[in-house]
Amino acid sequence: MILEKLDAVVIGAGPVGLACALEIQRQGLTVVVVDKGALVNSLVGYPTQMEFFSTPELLEIGGHPFPMASYKPHREDALDYYQRVAVAEKLDLRLYERVIGLRGQAGDFVVETAKGEIATRAVVVATGFFDVPNLMNIPGEGLPHVNHYYKEPYAHADREVVVVGAKNSSAKAALALTRAGARVTMVVRGPEVAETVKYWIRPDLLNRIKEGRIKAYFNTTIDAITPHSVEITTPNGPISIKADYVYALTGYRPDYSLLVDMLALPLNENDPALPPIFDVTTHETARPGVYVAGTVCGGLATSRWFIENGRHHAQLIATAMTDTLVKA
């Protein structure tokens, strides 16, 4: 059953999606937020007590203060903050409702979800990238002891754990696992721990590798994962590593099945990152009436946009949308 037509539907209930919804609502427009998971679902999936690299004021949306006694907020602080903002703004949230299609045109869309249909004049896509891991596409990657998301280390005390990668997520996981009593081996495709690893994390990891608490194989590829080992090829030849658990922290990407197949958003094929085509002044895509916000704007280049700079897309979109809808 299609209800009364809304002015906007925001797909994605992350920080940027919430920012878009509250700015649109402040323009006097009707809006709902739809997400296939929980409120700020990506943050729910972050590691326990994960510390943000940003200060609180850079994570604020809608002018709501993010008071903190410490310099940098943790995952739990942010979860509480964004929930309180959603309540304060009285946002209409439709959580655990997956979007499966979009039909119609600007001013007359129907967003198709697993629970029904929502009529709307405009759509904002703020789906982020954390839900789709970059797969290694090797035998054994789907085994139950292989995970592309790290949560906390405590279950792995006195266990052999392989961590794939050497960027921020992998570095932090390797250190936490080691300090919780796991025996950690890192497998790194490149020649060293990435220079982009935060300045207070990288020396710690390098020292743990140097002293032998963490074993690391560089310039190394993974050939296969078995129930009890990881088969790798090093510069000195093939090696089999014992593994009770594997964290393949190889990064994440936007959900292109949603962007292309379900929402029919044209991509910029001249950009290797394959971002959606959009107007940088309004964030309207090449499909009129559909806007993009946050990390999804960068396509595969997931480091182009964060909460800190993506939250500013909200005001651009709300202003452009209001101008368009009022004129209509």
Protein backbone atom coordinates (compact mmCIF):
# COMPACT_ATOMS: atom_id res chain seq x y z
CA MET A 1 0.00 0.00 0.00
CA ILE A 2 1.42 3.41 -1.00
CA LEU A 3 0.77 6.12 1.55
CA GLU A 4 0.66 9.88 1.10
CA LYS A 5 3.63 11.15 -0.89
CA LEU A 6 6.59 12.43 1.12
CA ASP A 7 8.96 15.15 0.05
CA ALA A 8 12.05 13.01 0.60
CA VAL A 9 13.30 9.56 1.55
CA VAL A 10 16.83 9.23 2.91
CA ILE A 11 18.36 5.80 2.37
CA GLY A 12 20.86 5.17 5.13
CA ALA A 13 20.57 5.95 8.85
CA GLY A 14 24.23 6.68 9.45
CA PRO A 15 25.53 10.04 10.70
CA VAL A 16 25.41 11.65 7.25
CA GLY A 17 21.96 10.25 6.48
CA LEU A 18 20.67 11.60 9.77
CA ALA A 19 22.27 14.98 9.02
CA CYS A 20 20.51 15.08 5.64
CA ALA A 21 17.14 14.16 7.15
CA LEU A 22 17.24 16.77 9.88
CA GLU A 23 18.33 19.53 7.48
CA ILE A 24 15.56 18.59 5.03
CA GLN A 25 13.04 18.50 7.87
CA ARG A 26 14.16 21.94 9.03
CA GLN A 27 13.22 23.25 5.60
CA GLY A 28 9.62 22.31 6.38
CA LEU A 29 9.68 19.22 4.17
CA THR A 30 8.45 15.74 5.09
CA VAL A 31 11.14 13.05 5.21
CA VAL A 32 11.72 9.51 6.42
CA VAL A 33 14.97 7.63 6.91
CA VAL A 34 15.12 4.01 5.75
CA ASP A 35 17.91 1.59 6.66
CA LYS A 36 18.30 -2.15 6.30
CA GLY A 37 19.87 -2.34 9.75
CA ALA A 38 20.07 -0.49 13.04
CA LEU A 39 20.40 3.22 13.66
CA VAL A 40 23.97 4.17 12.67
CA ASN A 41 24.44 0.53 11.73
CA SER A 42 28.08 0.91 10.67
CA LEU A 43 29.01 2.25 14.10
CA VAL A 44 27.23 -0.70 15.69
CA GLY A 45 29.60 -2.89 13.71
CA TYR A 46 32.74 -1.02 14.76
CA PRO A 47 35.11 -2.59 17.31
CA THR A 48 34.13 -2.31 20.96
CA GLN A 49 35.49 0.91 22.50
CA MET A 50 36.95 1.98 19.15
CA GLU A 51 38.43 5.47 19.41
CA PHE A 52 37.58 7.93 16.64
CA PHE A 53 40.44 9.77 15.03
CA SER A 54 38.28 12.92 15.06
CA THR A 55 37.47 15.28 17.87
CA PRO A 56 33.81 15.53 19.00
CA GLU A 57 33.03 18.80 17.25
CA LEU A 58 33.96 17.27 13.88
CA LEU A 59 31.34 14.57 14.37
CA GLU A 60 28.49 16.91 15.29
CA ILE A 61 25.42 17.19 13.07
CA GLY A 62 22.62 19.70 12.99
CA GLY A 63 24.33 22.01 15.47
CA HIS A 64 23.77 19.56 18.34
CA PRO A 65 26.72 19.75 20.77
CA PHE A 66 28.71 16.56 21.34
CA PRO A 67 30.00 17.16 24.88
CA MET A 68 32.95 15.01 25.87
CA ALA A 69 35.30 14.99 28.84
CA SER A 70 38.02 13.29 26.79
CA TYR A 71 39.70 14.55 23.64
CA LYS A 72 38.46 11.81 21.31
CA PRO A 73 35.11 10.01 21.47
CA HIS A 74 34.70 6.26 21.43
CA ARG A 75 32.22 4.17 19.47
CA GLU A 76 29.80 4.02 22.40
CA ASP A 77 29.87 7.82 22.82
CA ALA A 78 28.98 8.29 19.16
CA LEU A 79 26.20 5.69 19.27
CA ASP A 80 24.62 7.52 22.19
CA TYR A 81 25.08 10.94 20.57
CA TYR A 82 23.46 10.09 17.23
CA GLN A 83 20.57 8.31 18.93
CA ARG A 84 19.92 11.39 21.05
CA VAL A 85 20.04 13.64 17.98
CA ALA A 86 17.52 11.44 16.16
CA VAL A 87 15.17 11.61 19.16
CA ALA A 88 15.63 15.36 19.63
CA GLU A 89 14.85 16.01 15.96
CA LYS A 90 11.89 13.59 16.03
CA LEU A 91 13.14 11.92 12.85
CA ASP A 92 10.88 9.33 11.24
CA LEU A 93 13.07 6.20 11.22
CA ARG A 94 12.21 2.99 9.39
CA LEU A 95 14.93 0.62 10.52
CA TYR A 96 15.52 -2.97 9.47
CA GLU A 97 13.76 -2.19 6.20
CA ARG A 98 15.87 -2.99 3.13
CA VAL A 99 15.47 -0.92 -0.04
CA ILE A 100 15.11 -3.19 -3.07
CA GLY A 101 14.22 -0.79 -5.87
CA LEU A 102 13.31 2.69 -7.07
CA ARG A 103 10.90 3.48 -9.84
CA GLY A 104 9.51 6.69 -11.22
CA GLN A 105 11.03 10.08 -11.84
CA ALA A 106 11.82 13.33 -10.04
CA GLY A 107 8.75 14.50 -8.18
CA ASP A 108 7.06 11.13 -8.45
CA PHE A 109 9.22 8.30 -7.09
CA VAL A 110 8.29 5.08 -5.38
CA VAL A 111 10.93 3.59 -3.10
CA GLU A 112 10.42 -0.16 -2.97
CA THR A 113 11.41 -1.85 0.29
CA ALA A 114 11.16 -5.36 1.67
CA LYS A 115 8.19 -4.15 3.75
CA GLY A 116 6.28 -2.14 1.17
CA GLU A 117 6.43 1.01 -0.93
CA ILE A 118 7.05 4.67 -0.06
CA ALA A 119 5.95 7.45 -2.40
CA THR A 120 8.29 10.43 -2.44
CA ARG A 121 9.25 13.43 -4.52
CA ALA A 122 13.02 13.08 -3.96
CA VAL A 123 15.56 10.54 -2.68
CA VAL A 124 18.89 10.91 -0.85
CA VAL A 125 21.35 8.02 -0.90
CA ALA A 126 23.68 8.04 2.12
CA THR A 127 24.52 4.36 2.39
CA GLY A 128 28.24 4.56 3.21
CA PHE A 129 30.49 1.61 2.46
CA PHE A 130 31.00 -0.52 5.59
CA ASP A 131 28.52 -3.26 4.70
CA VAL A 132 30.38 -4.79 1.74
CA PRO A 133 33.91 -6.13 2.41
CA ASN A 134 36.56 -6.32 -0.29
CA LEU A 135 36.87 -10.05 -0.83
CA MET A 136 40.18 -11.79 -1.51
CA ASN A 137 38.39 -14.36 -3.69
CA ILE A 138 40.49 -17.26 -2.50
CA PRO A 139 39.56 -20.82 -1.46
CA GLY A 140 38.38 -20.99 2.14
CA GLU A 141 37.45 -17.33 2.51
CA GLY A 142 33.91 -18.34 3.42
CA LEU A 143 34.90 -20.67 6.26
CA PRO A 144 33.24 -19.91 9.61
CA HIS A 145 36.49 -18.90 11.33
CA VAL A 146 37.18 -16.17 8.74
CA ASN A 147 35.75 -12.72 9.42
CA HIS A 148 36.00 -9.40 7.58
CA TYR A 149 34.94 -7.46 10.67
CA TYR A 150 36.88 -7.19 13.91
CA LYS A 151 34.91 -6.59 17.12
CA GLU A 152 37.00 -7.41 20.19
CA PRO A 153 39.95 -9.67 21.08
CA TYR A 154 38.92 -11.55 24.21
CA ALA A 155 37.66 -14.76 22.61
CA HIS A 156 41.08 -15.35 21.03
CA ALA A 157 43.32 -15.61 24.08
CA ASP A 158 45.87 -18.42 23.64
CA ARG A 159 44.78 -18.86 20.00
CA GLU A 160 46.63 -18.53 16.70
CA VAL A 161 45.16 -15.55 14.84
CA VAL A 162 46.08 -14.32 11.37
CA VAL A 163 45.39 -10.68 10.55
CA VAL A 164 45.39 -9.74 6.86
CA GLY A 165 46.48 -6.22 5.96
CA ALA A 166 48.54 -3.48 7.62
CA LYS A 167 46.41 -0.34 7.58
CA ASN A 168 44.66 1.26 10.56
CA SER A 169 42.03 -1.42 11.19
CA SER A 170 44.50 -4.28 10.88
CA ALA A 171 47.13 -2.52 12.98
CA LYS A 172 44.72 -1.80 15.82
CA ALA A 173 43.30 -5.33 15.73
CA ALA A 174 46.73 -6.93 15.77
CA LEU A 175 47.81 -4.88 18.78
CA ALA A 176 44.59 -5.51 20.73
CA LEU A 177 44.65 -9.24 19.98
CA THR A 178 48.28 -9.52 21.06
CA ARG A 179 47.62 -7.74 24.35
CA ALA A 180 44.64 -10.01 24.99
CA GLY A 181 46.85 -13.09 24.76
CA ALA A 182 46.47 -14.16 21.14
CA ARG A 183 49.45 -15.25 19.05
CA VAL A 184 49.18 -12.94 16.06
CA THR A 185 50.64 -13.26 12.58
CA MET A 186 50.12 -10.46 10.06
CA VAL A 187 50.06 -11.13 6.32
CA VAL A 188 50.73 -7.99 4.30
CA ARG A 189 50.64 -7.65 0.53
CA GLY A 190 52.86 -4.56 0.57
CA PRO A 191 56.45 -4.08 1.71
CA GLU A 192 55.71 -2.47 5.10
CA VAL A 193 53.14 -1.26 7.58
CA ALA A 194 51.24 1.45 5.71
CA GLU A 195 52.56 4.98 6.19
CA THR A 196 48.94 6.10 6.57
CA VAL A 197 48.55 4.24 9.87
CA LYS A 198 47.99 6.83 12.60
CA TYR A 199 51.14 8.25 14.12
CA TRP A 200 50.46 6.88 17.62
CA ILE A 201 49.62 3.37 16.31
CA ARG A 202 52.34 2.71 13.72
CA PRO A 203 55.39 2.90 16.04
CA ASP A 204 53.64 0.64 18.56
CA LEU A 205 53.00 -1.99 15.90
CA LEU A 206 56.51 -1.74 14.44
CA ASN A 207 58.01 -2.23 17.88
CA ARG A 208 55.84 -5.27 18.59
CA ILE A 209 56.94 -6.77 15.27
CA LYS A 210 60.58 -5.94 15.99
CA GLU A 211 60.51 -7.60 19.40
CA GLY A 212 58.81 -10.69 17.95
CA ARG A 213 55.48 -10.48 19.80
CA ILE A 214 53.77 -10.11 16.43
CA LYS A 215 55.04 -12.03 13.43
CA ALA A 216 54.66 -10.33 10.06
CA TYR A 217 55.09 -11.48 6.47
CA PHE A 218 55.48 -8.64 3.96
CA ASN A 219 55.29 -8.75 0.15
CA THR A 220 53.15 -11.83 0.73
CA THR A 221 49.94 -13.13 -0.82
CA ILE A 222 47.38 -15.58 0.51
CA ASP A 223 46.69 -18.61 -1.66
CA ALA A 224 44.07 -20.39 0.43
CA ILE A 225 42.57 -20.75 3.89
CA THR A 226 41.92 -24.16 5.41
CA PRO A 227 40.11 -25.01 8.67
CA HIS A 228 43.43 -24.87 10.55
CA SER A 229 45.88 -22.89 8.43
CA VAL A 230 46.54 -20.07 6.02
CA GLU A 231 48.57 -20.95 2.95
CA ILE A 232 50.76 -18.04 1.83
CA THR A 233 53.43 -17.25 -0.74
CA THR A 234 56.30 -15.19 0.64
CA PRO A 235 59.36 -13.81 -1.17
CA ASN A 236 61.13 -16.95 0.07
CA GLY A 237 58.46 -19.34 -1.15
CA PRO A 238 55.23 -20.97 0.12
CA ILE A 239 54.54 -21.30 3.85
CA SER A 240 51.67 -22.75 5.86
CA ILE A 241 50.67 -20.72 8.96
CA LYS A 242 48.62 -22.17 11.80
CA ALA A 243 45.35 -20.30 12.20
CA ASP A 244 42.48 -20.83 14.63
CA TYR A 245 40.93 -17.59 13.41
CA VAL A 246 41.46 -15.20 10.50
CA TYR A 247 40.63 -11.51 10.34
CA ALA A 248 40.68 -10.49 6.67
CA LEU A 249 40.56 -6.73 7.20
CA THR A 250 40.96 -5.88 3.54
CA GLY A 251 38.70 -2.86 3.39
CA TYR A 252 35.14 -2.22 2.25
CA ARG A 253 33.23 -0.78 -0.70
CA PRO A 254 29.83 0.75 -1.49
CA ASP A 255 26.98 -1.59 -2.36
CA TYR A 256 27.00 -1.31 -6.15
CA SER A 257 24.14 -3.77 -6.44
CA LEU A 258 22.01 -1.15 -4.68
CA LEU A 259 23.46 1.89 -6.46
CA VAL A 260 23.36 0.50 -9.98
CA ASP A 261 20.92 -2.41 -10.11
CA MET A 262 18.24 -1.13 -7.72
CA LEU A 263 18.58 2.66 -7.86
CA ALA A 264 19.85 2.94 -11.47
CA LEU A 265 22.44 5.60 -10.69
CA PRO A 266 24.89 6.29 -13.54
CA LEU A 267 28.56 5.99 -12.56
CA ASN A 268 31.53 8.09 -13.64
CA GLU A 269 33.42 5.48 -15.65
CA ASN A 270 36.26 7.95 -16.32
CA ASP A 271 37.15 7.75 -12.64
CA PRO A 272 38.82 4.47 -11.54
CA ALA A 273 36.90 4.70 -8.26
CA LEU A 274 33.56 4.53 -10.14
CA PRO A 275 31.68 7.12 -8.07
CA PRO A 276 28.11 8.08 -8.92
CA ILE A 277 27.86 11.04 -11.28
CA PHE A 278 26.65 14.05 -9.31
CA ASP A 279 26.67 17.84 -9.31
CA VAL A 280 29.15 18.97 -6.64
CA THR A 281 27.10 22.09 -5.88
CA THR A 282 23.82 20.28 -5.21
CA HIS A 283 24.82 16.59 -4.93
CA GLU A 284 22.03 15.69 -7.34
CA THR A 285 22.98 12.65 -9.42
CA ALA A 286 22.57 12.04 -13.13
CA ARG A 287 19.21 10.56 -12.20
CA PRO A 288 17.22 13.76 -11.52
CA GLY A 289 15.64 13.91 -8.10
CA VAL A 290 18.15 11.50 -6.54
CA TYR A 291 20.98 12.91 -4.42
CA VAL A 292 24.07 11.32 -2.88
CA ALA A 293 25.77 12.20 0.41
CA GLY A 294 28.76 11.06 2.41
CA THR A 295 31.23 8.31 1.62
CA VAL A 296 29.20 6.86 -1.23
CA CYS A 297 30.07 9.97 -3.26
CA GLY A 298 33.64 8.67 -3.62
CA GLY A 299 32.77 5.24 -4.96
CA LEU A 300 35.64 2.83 -4.34
CA ALA A 301 37.78 5.70 -3.03
CA THR A 302 36.32 5.36 0.44
CA SER A 303 38.88 7.72 1.98
CA ARG A 304 37.58 10.75 0.08
CA TRP A 305 34.70 11.37 2.44
CA PHE A 306 34.20 10.81 6.16
CA ILE A 307 31.66 11.92 8.74
CA GLU A 308 33.72 15.07 9.21
CA ASN A 309 33.35 16.38 5.66
CA GLY A 310 30.38 14.30 4.47
CA ARG A 311 28.06 15.84 7.06
CA HIS A 312 28.32 19.16 5.19
CA HIS A 313 26.60 17.60 2.17
CA ALA A 314 23.36 17.76 4.15
CA GLN A 315 22.94 21.52 3.90
CA LEU A 316 23.78 21.57 0.19
CA ILE A 317 21.21 18.87 -0.52
CA ALA A 318 18.51 20.39 1.70
CA THR A 319 18.91 23.79 0.05
CA ALA A 320 18.92 22.39 -3.49
CA MET A 321 16.00 20.08 -2.79
CA THR A 322 13.94 22.86 -1.27
CA ASP A 323 14.55 25.15 -4.25
CA THR A 324 13.52 22.39 -6.65
CA LEU A 325 10.44 21.21 -4.75
CA VAL A 326 9.16 24.71 -4.04
CA LYS A 327 9.50 25.66 -7.70
CA ALA A 328 7.66 22.50 -8.68
